[in-house]
Protein backbone atom coordinates (compact mmCIF):
# COMPACT_ATOMS: atom_id res chain seq x y z
CA MET A 1 -3.37 23.85 -33.61
CA THR A 2 -0.98 22.60 -36.20
CA THR A 3 -0.85 19.27 -37.20
CA ALA A 4 2.49 18.64 -36.19
CA SER A 5 1.20 19.24 -32.23
CA LEU A 6 -1.71 17.16 -32.95
CA ILE A 7 0.70 13.95 -33.66
CA ALA A 8 2.93 14.62 -30.56
CA PRO A 9 4.11 12.38 -28.36
CA THR A 10 6.06 9.76 -30.20
CA ILE A 11 7.39 6.34 -28.94
CA ASP A 12 10.50 8.18 -27.85
CA ASP A 13 8.50 10.61 -25.76
CA ILE A 14 6.80 7.71 -24.07
CA ARG A 15 10.22 5.92 -23.44
CA ALA A 16 11.36 9.29 -21.79
CA ALA A 17 8.24 9.10 -19.87
CA GLN A 18 9.04 5.88 -18.51
CA LYS A 19 12.29 6.84 -17.30
CA ARG A 20 10.97 9.80 -15.54
CA ILE A 21 8.39 8.24 -13.71
CA HIS A 22 10.27 5.02 -12.94
CA GLY A 23 10.15 4.26 -9.25
CA ALA A 24 7.37 6.75 -8.24
CA VAL A 25 4.49 4.60 -9.84
CA GLU A 26 3.99 0.97 -9.58
CA ARG A 27 5.15 -1.40 -12.25
CA THR A 28 1.92 -3.34 -11.95
CA PRO A 29 1.92 -6.77 -12.69
CA THR A 30 0.80 -8.57 -15.94
CA ARG A 31 -0.71 -12.01 -15.39
CA HIS A 32 -2.24 -14.73 -17.60
CA SER A 33 -5.55 -15.91 -17.09
CA ASP A 34 -6.35 -19.55 -18.11
CA THR A 35 -9.88 -19.19 -16.97
CA LEU A 36 -10.65 -15.98 -19.17
CA SER A 37 -8.80 -17.62 -21.98
CA ARG A 38 -10.82 -20.53 -21.76
CA ILE A 39 -14.01 -18.50 -21.98
CA THR A 40 -13.08 -16.18 -24.72
CA GLY A 41 -10.93 -18.56 -26.98
CA ALA A 42 -8.14 -15.97 -27.02
CA ASP A 43 -4.83 -16.27 -24.98
CA VAL A 44 -5.57 -13.78 -22.30
CA HIS A 45 -2.87 -11.36 -20.43
CA LEU A 46 -4.05 -8.66 -18.27
CA LYS A 47 -2.09 -5.43 -16.79
CA PHE A 48 -3.57 -4.57 -13.35
CA GLU A 49 -3.52 -0.86 -13.28
CA ASN A 50 -6.03 -1.16 -10.47
CA LEU A 51 -3.02 -1.78 -8.51
CA GLN A 52 -1.44 1.62 -8.68
CA TYR A 53 -1.28 3.69 -5.65
CA THR A 54 -4.47 5.35 -6.44
CA ALA A 55 -6.26 2.61 -7.95
CA SER A 56 -5.93 3.76 -11.49
CA PHE A 57 -3.55 4.38 -14.55
CA LYS A 58 -4.32 8.16 -14.47
CA GLU A 59 -1.33 8.49 -11.97
CA ARG A 60 0.97 7.89 -14.45
CA GLY A 61 -0.05 10.70 -17.01
CA ALA A 62 -0.48 13.09 -14.28
CA LEU A 63 3.16 12.55 -12.69
CA ASN A 64 4.67 12.81 -16.14
CA LYS A 65 3.00 16.13 -16.60
CA LEU A 66 4.15 17.53 -13.22
CA LEU A 67 7.56 16.36 -13.66
CA THR A 68 7.84 18.14 -16.83
CA LEU A 69 6.83 21.56 -15.32
CA SER A 70 9.38 24.30 -14.75
CA GLU A 71 10.48 25.02 -11.01
CA ALA A 72 8.72 28.26 -11.54
CA GLU A 73 5.58 26.43 -12.66
CA GLN A 74 5.62 23.70 -9.86
CA LYS A 75 5.96 26.63 -7.26
CA SER A 76 3.17 28.62 -8.66
CA GLY A 77 0.96 25.21 -8.66
CA VAL A 78 -1.23 23.36 -10.77
CA ALA A 79 -5.14 23.10 -11.47
CA ALA A 80 -7.28 20.05 -12.80
CA MET A 81 -10.79 19.01 -13.44
CA SER A 82 -11.69 15.47 -12.91
CA ALA A 83 -14.76 13.46 -11.26
CA GLY A 84 -12.38 10.86 -9.99
CA ASN A 85 -9.19 9.18 -10.95
CA HIS A 86 -7.23 11.91 -12.67
CA ALA A 87 -8.09 14.36 -9.53
CA GLN A 88 -6.68 11.78 -7.13
CA GLY A 89 -3.62 10.96 -9.45
CA VAL A 90 -2.64 14.75 -9.69
CA ALA A 91 -3.58 15.53 -5.95
CA TYR A 92 -1.20 12.55 -4.50
CA HIS A 93 1.68 13.33 -6.67
CA ALA A 94 1.25 17.10 -6.58
CA GLY A 95 1.18 16.52 -2.46
CA ARG A 96 4.14 14.12 -2.78
CA LEU A 97 6.24 16.56 -4.70
CA GLY A 98 5.16 19.86 -2.72
CA ILE A 99 3.30 21.31 -5.71
CA PRO A 100 0.16 22.99 -4.64
CA ALA A 101 -2.92 21.75 -6.14
CA THR A 102 -6.48 22.92 -6.70
CA ILE A 103 -8.86 20.40 -8.09
CA VAL A 104 -12.38 21.17 -9.69
CA MET A 105 -14.85 18.28 -9.45
CA PRO A 106 -18.17 18.33 -10.55
CA GLU A 107 -21.58 18.71 -8.49
CA GLY A 108 -22.52 14.96 -7.76
CA THR A 109 -19.18 13.74 -7.64
CA PRO A 110 -19.28 10.80 -4.93
CA PHE A 111 -18.44 12.26 -1.53
CA THR A 112 -15.67 9.48 -1.16
CA LYS A 113 -13.85 10.53 -4.32
CA VAL A 114 -13.87 14.12 -3.08
CA LYS A 115 -12.80 13.11 0.52
CA HIS A 116 -9.74 10.89 -1.05
CA THR A 117 -8.74 14.01 -3.18
CA LYS A 118 -8.72 16.30 -0.14
CA ASP A 119 -6.85 13.69 1.83
CA PHE A 120 -3.94 14.10 -0.67
CA GLY A 121 -3.41 17.75 0.05
CA ALA A 122 -5.35 19.41 -2.76
CA ARG A 123 -7.68 22.12 -2.71
CA VAL A 124 -11.15 20.72 -3.98
CA VAL A 125 -13.72 23.19 -5.54
CA VAL A 126 -16.81 21.21 -6.39
CA GLU A 127 -18.69 23.36 -8.86
CA GLY A 128 -20.43 22.84 -12.09
CA ALA A 129 -23.16 20.61 -13.22
CA THR A 130 -21.64 18.84 -15.85
CA LEU A 131 -18.05 18.18 -17.06
CA THR A 132 -17.92 21.05 -19.38
CA GLU A 133 -18.79 23.61 -16.78
CA ALA A 134 -16.35 22.01 -14.31
CA THR A 135 -13.57 22.20 -16.76
CA ALA A 136 -14.39 26.00 -17.52
CA ARG A 137 -14.01 26.80 -13.96
CA ALA A 138 -10.76 25.07 -13.49
CA LEU A 139 -9.55 26.81 -16.47
CA GLN A 140 -10.72 30.27 -15.26
CA ILE A 141 -8.94 29.28 -11.78
CA ALA A 142 -5.79 28.46 -13.60
CA ARG A 143 -6.01 31.76 -15.50
CA ASP A 144 -6.83 33.82 -12.52
CA GLU A 145 -4.45 32.49 -10.13
CA GLY A 146 -1.41 31.81 -12.58
CA LEU A 147 -1.50 28.00 -12.37
CA THR A 148 -0.77 25.39 -14.88
CA PHE A 149 -3.66 23.47 -15.93
CA VAL A 150 -2.84 19.67 -16.04
CA HIS A 151 -5.67 18.16 -18.59
CA PRO A 152 -6.89 14.78 -17.75
CA TYR A 153 -6.17 13.59 -21.45
CA ASP A 154 -5.55 16.30 -24.03
CA ASP A 155 -1.85 16.90 -23.10
CA PRO A 156 1.14 15.11 -24.81
CA ALA A 157 3.08 14.89 -21.69
CA VAL A 158 -0.18 12.99 -20.14
CA ILE A 159 -0.63 10.85 -23.12
CA ALA A 160 2.89 9.83 -23.03
CA GLY A 161 2.70 8.94 -19.47
CA GLN A 162 -0.39 6.87 -20.20
CA GLY A 163 1.57 4.82 -22.72
CA VAL A 164 4.06 3.71 -20.38
CA ALA A 165 1.56 0.97 -19.03
CA ALA A 166 1.53 -0.41 -22.75
CA LEU A 167 5.44 -0.46 -22.83
CA GLU A 168 5.39 -2.49 -19.66
CA LEU A 169 2.52 -4.82 -20.97
CA LEU A 170 5.00 -5.54 -24.07
CA ASP A 171 7.84 -5.97 -21.79
CA GLU A 172 6.08 -8.97 -20.17
CA VAL A 173 4.51 -10.26 -23.24
CA PRO A 174 6.47 -9.17 -26.35
CA ASP A 175 4.46 -11.15 -28.98
CA LEU A 176 0.96 -9.84 -28.42
CA ASP A 177 -1.14 -9.80 -31.47
CA LEU A 178 -3.72 -7.44 -29.95
CA VAL A 179 -3.85 -4.99 -27.26
CA VAL A 180 -7.39 -3.68 -26.16
CA ALA A 181 -7.79 -0.75 -23.83
CA PRO A 182 -10.86 1.27 -22.78
CA VAL A 183 -11.35 4.83 -24.26
CA GLY A 184 -13.34 7.68 -23.10
CA GLY A 185 -11.26 10.97 -23.74
CA GLY A 186 -8.84 9.04 -25.49
CA GLY A 187 -5.54 9.96 -23.56
CA LEU A 188 -5.00 6.03 -22.64
CA LEU A 189 -5.96 4.80 -26.03
CA SER A 190 -3.72 7.47 -27.77
CA GLY A 191 -0.79 6.46 -25.68
CA THR A 192 -1.11 2.69 -25.98
CA ALA A 193 -1.61 2.93 -29.72
CA VAL A 194 1.72 4.70 -30.20
CA ALA A 195 3.75 2.50 -27.64
CA VAL A 196 2.34 -0.92 -29.18
CA LYS A 197 3.19 0.44 -32.84
CA GLY A 198 6.39 1.84 -31.78
CA VAL A 199 7.53 -1.57 -30.40
CA ARG A 200 5.40 -4.13 -32.18
CA PRO A 201 3.92 -2.71 -35.32
CA ALA A 202 2.12 -6.22 -36.41
CA ALA A 203 0.14 -6.06 -33.23
CA ARG A 204 -3.41 -4.37 -33.41
CA VAL A 205 -4.67 -1.94 -31.03
CA VAL A 206 -8.46 -1.76 -30.33
CA GLY A 207 -10.44 0.76 -28.10
CA ALA A 208 -13.33 -0.51 -26.36
CA GLU A 209 -16.49 1.87 -25.26
CA PRO A 210 -19.82 1.71 -23.98
CA ALA A 211 -22.36 1.89 -26.38
CA ALA A 212 -24.21 4.25 -24.17
CA ALA A 213 -21.26 6.88 -24.71
CA ASP A 214 -20.20 5.87 -28.30
CA ASP A 215 -18.77 9.22 -29.45
CA ALA A 216 -15.44 7.86 -29.91
CA ALA A 217 -16.60 4.87 -32.04
CA ARG A 218 -18.63 7.10 -34.26
CA SER A 219 -15.91 9.49 -34.54
CA PHE A 220 -13.24 6.67 -35.72
CA HIS A 221 -15.69 5.20 -38.05
CA GLU A 222 -17.11 8.45 -39.45
CA GLY A 223 -13.70 10.35 -39.87
CA GLY A 224 -14.53 13.25 -37.86
CA LEU A 225 -15.01 14.48 -34.41
CA VAL A 226 -18.76 13.45 -33.39
CA PRO A 227 -20.02 15.41 -30.37
CA MET A 228 -21.07 13.49 -27.33
CA THR A 229 -24.97 13.16 -26.40
CA ASP A 230 -26.24 12.15 -22.90
CA PRO A 231 -23.71 9.51 -21.85
CA ALA A 232 -25.89 7.32 -19.48
CA THR A 233 -23.47 4.83 -18.95
CA LEU A 234 -22.13 3.44 -15.35
CA ALA A 235 -18.65 3.57 -16.93
CA ASP A 236 -18.30 7.29 -15.62
CA GLY A 237 -14.71 7.49 -16.40
CA LEU A 238 -15.34 6.85 -20.07
CA ARG A 239 -18.01 9.84 -20.18
CA ALA A 240 -15.40 12.29 -21.65
CA GLN A 241 -15.19 13.12 -25.43
CA LEU A 242 -12.07 12.96 -27.66
CA SER A 243 -10.18 15.84 -28.20
CA GLU A 244 -8.78 16.88 -31.75
CA ARG A 245 -5.27 15.72 -30.21
CA THR A 246 -6.40 12.36 -29.20
CA PHE A 247 -8.99 11.79 -32.48
CA ALA A 248 -5.88 12.44 -34.66
CA HIS A 249 -3.71 10.04 -32.30
CA ILE A 250 -6.16 7.34 -32.54
CA ARG A 251 -7.03 7.63 -36.16
CA ARG A 252 -3.30 7.49 -37.26
CA TYR A 253 -2.35 4.61 -34.74
CA ALA A 254 -5.17 2.52 -33.39
CA ASP A 255 -6.96 -0.10 -35.67
CA ASP A 256 -10.69 0.02 -34.45
CA ILE A 257 -12.84 0.94 -31.90
CA VAL A 258 -15.74 -1.09 -30.61
CA THR A 259 -18.75 -0.78 -28.24
CA VAL A 260 -20.12 -2.79 -25.57
CA SER A 261 -23.56 -2.82 -23.69
CA GLU A 262 -24.13 -2.10 -19.85
CA ASP A 263 -25.18 -5.79 -19.57
CA GLU A 264 -21.89 -6.57 -21.16
CA ILE A 265 -19.99 -4.36 -18.83
CA VAL A 266 -21.38 -5.85 -15.54
CA LEU A 267 -21.17 -9.38 -16.80
CA ALA A 268 -17.41 -8.83 -17.49
CA MET A 269 -16.91 -6.98 -14.08
CA ARG A 270 -18.24 -10.23 -12.45
CA ALA A 271 -16.36 -12.55 -14.55
CA LEU A 272 -13.13 -10.76 -13.53
CA TRP A 273 -14.14 -11.10 -9.89
CA GLU A 274 -14.97 -14.72 -10.19
CA ALA A 275 -11.77 -15.78 -12.33
CA LEU A 276 -9.44 -13.69 -10.47
CA LYS A 277 -11.07 -12.44 -7.49
CA VAL A 278 -10.52 -8.81 -8.30
CA VAL A 279 -12.82 -5.92 -8.20
CA VAL A 280 -12.49 -3.27 -11.24
CA GLU A 281 -14.64 -0.15 -11.82
CA PRO A 282 -16.96 -0.38 -14.76
CA SER A 283 -14.70 1.83 -17.09
CA ALA A 284 -11.86 -0.98 -16.53
CA ALA A 285 -14.07 -3.85 -17.44
CA VAL A 286 -15.14 -2.51 -20.80
CA ALA A 287 -11.96 -3.59 -22.55
CA TYR A 288 -12.26 -7.21 -21.50
CA ALA A 289 -16.18 -6.98 -22.23
CA ALA A 290 -15.31 -6.40 -25.53
CA ILE A 291 -13.19 -9.68 -26.04
CA ARG A 292 -15.69 -11.58 -23.94
CA ALA A 293 -18.67 -10.37 -26.19
CA GLY A 294 -16.63 -11.01 -29.35
CA LYS A 295 -16.58 -7.80 -30.59
CA THR A 296 -12.53 -7.49 -31.15
CA GLN A 297 -11.67 -10.51 -33.50
CA SER A 298 -9.57 -12.05 -31.03
CA ARG A 299 -10.19 -15.78 -31.00
CA GLY A 300 -6.97 -17.61 -31.22
CA LEU A 301 -4.73 -14.58 -30.79
CA LYS A 302 -2.45 -13.39 -27.86
CA VAL A 303 -4.26 -10.55 -26.35
CA GLY A 304 -3.33 -7.96 -23.80
CA VAL A 305 -5.71 -6.15 -21.82
CA ILE A 306 -5.44 -3.04 -19.57
CA LEU A 307 -7.52 -3.16 -16.52
CA THR A 308 -7.49 0.56 -15.94
CA GLY A 309 -8.52 1.23 -12.41
CA GLY A 310 -10.44 -0.28 -9.21
CA ASN A 311 -12.09 2.87 -7.72
CA VAL A 312 -15.62 1.20 -7.30
CA ASP A 313 -17.84 1.66 -4.36
CA LEU A 314 -18.42 -1.71 -3.21
CA ASP A 315 -21.80 -1.10 -1.62
CA ARG A 316 -23.42 -0.13 -5.24
CA LEU A 317 -21.58 -3.20 -7.27
CA PRO A 318 -23.85 -3.13 -10.32
CA TRP A 319 -24.24 -6.98 -10.41
CA ALA A 320 -27.87 -7.79 -11.15
CA ALA A 321 -29.05 -11.31 -10.24
CA ASN A 322 -31.22 -11.69 -13.23
CA LEU A 323 -28.30 -11.16 -15.64
CA PRO A 324 -27.35 -14.42 -17.68
């Protein structure tokens, strides 16, 4: 892979994606929170991507990728691998556009996520004990059946689509000093960093990651890709590993990646509910957790936080009574 291919997309690609997906995904609201601002000492503005139709930002990148396919590619269909939000984003928009979709989901994926993906019209294959095994199976199906593989983050069109959320955030609050986004595979943070630096170069962009799955933070600070080992975090959407492409984007455009503990994630989820009456998934709470825990040097700054999704099992909310 060439260096040039690793540094795409550009701010122009993200603006093109914004026009391409306009009207087919929600322009989710951005709201200021007096309560969270008092708690953190920062001026906190939240972008509610949990209010997308599939309750996740992932459908932005999925739709942008689908709309860049040729007519022949759309007719042949697509394949994807995901344990949740990307699966639903691809399945929903592929179904809406009449594109056949096959989604491989790892063994152990919650039944509700499998059901929702099927309900959107996708063919679901549950196979693979790990994300790596499920990805390999999805790629094999794509090769065998002539399908286009829609990667959850290692794709310029997907990254550009995810970056649209940051453009919308800056449209609403153009003078932000800092934007914080979760990081797993790096698609959202890559797109966010390119968008923010393209519109407001003086603003800092910080990724937030669970300490129990900290390969992105270690890679960022050590200057080379560090393999993931046993990502035992309740933020299951952030268990993916950076690709060469997303690592190159993040190293070039982001300012830092910080980590938070599992307790800090849970406390952030609860704080968001108590202050805003909104339930977000653990992966979405990580960005606010980093601010709340003082990891982002945000006191006194105007801060944008991307709440990435709301797909959480209400019967299994991880709020422990003994947490402070």
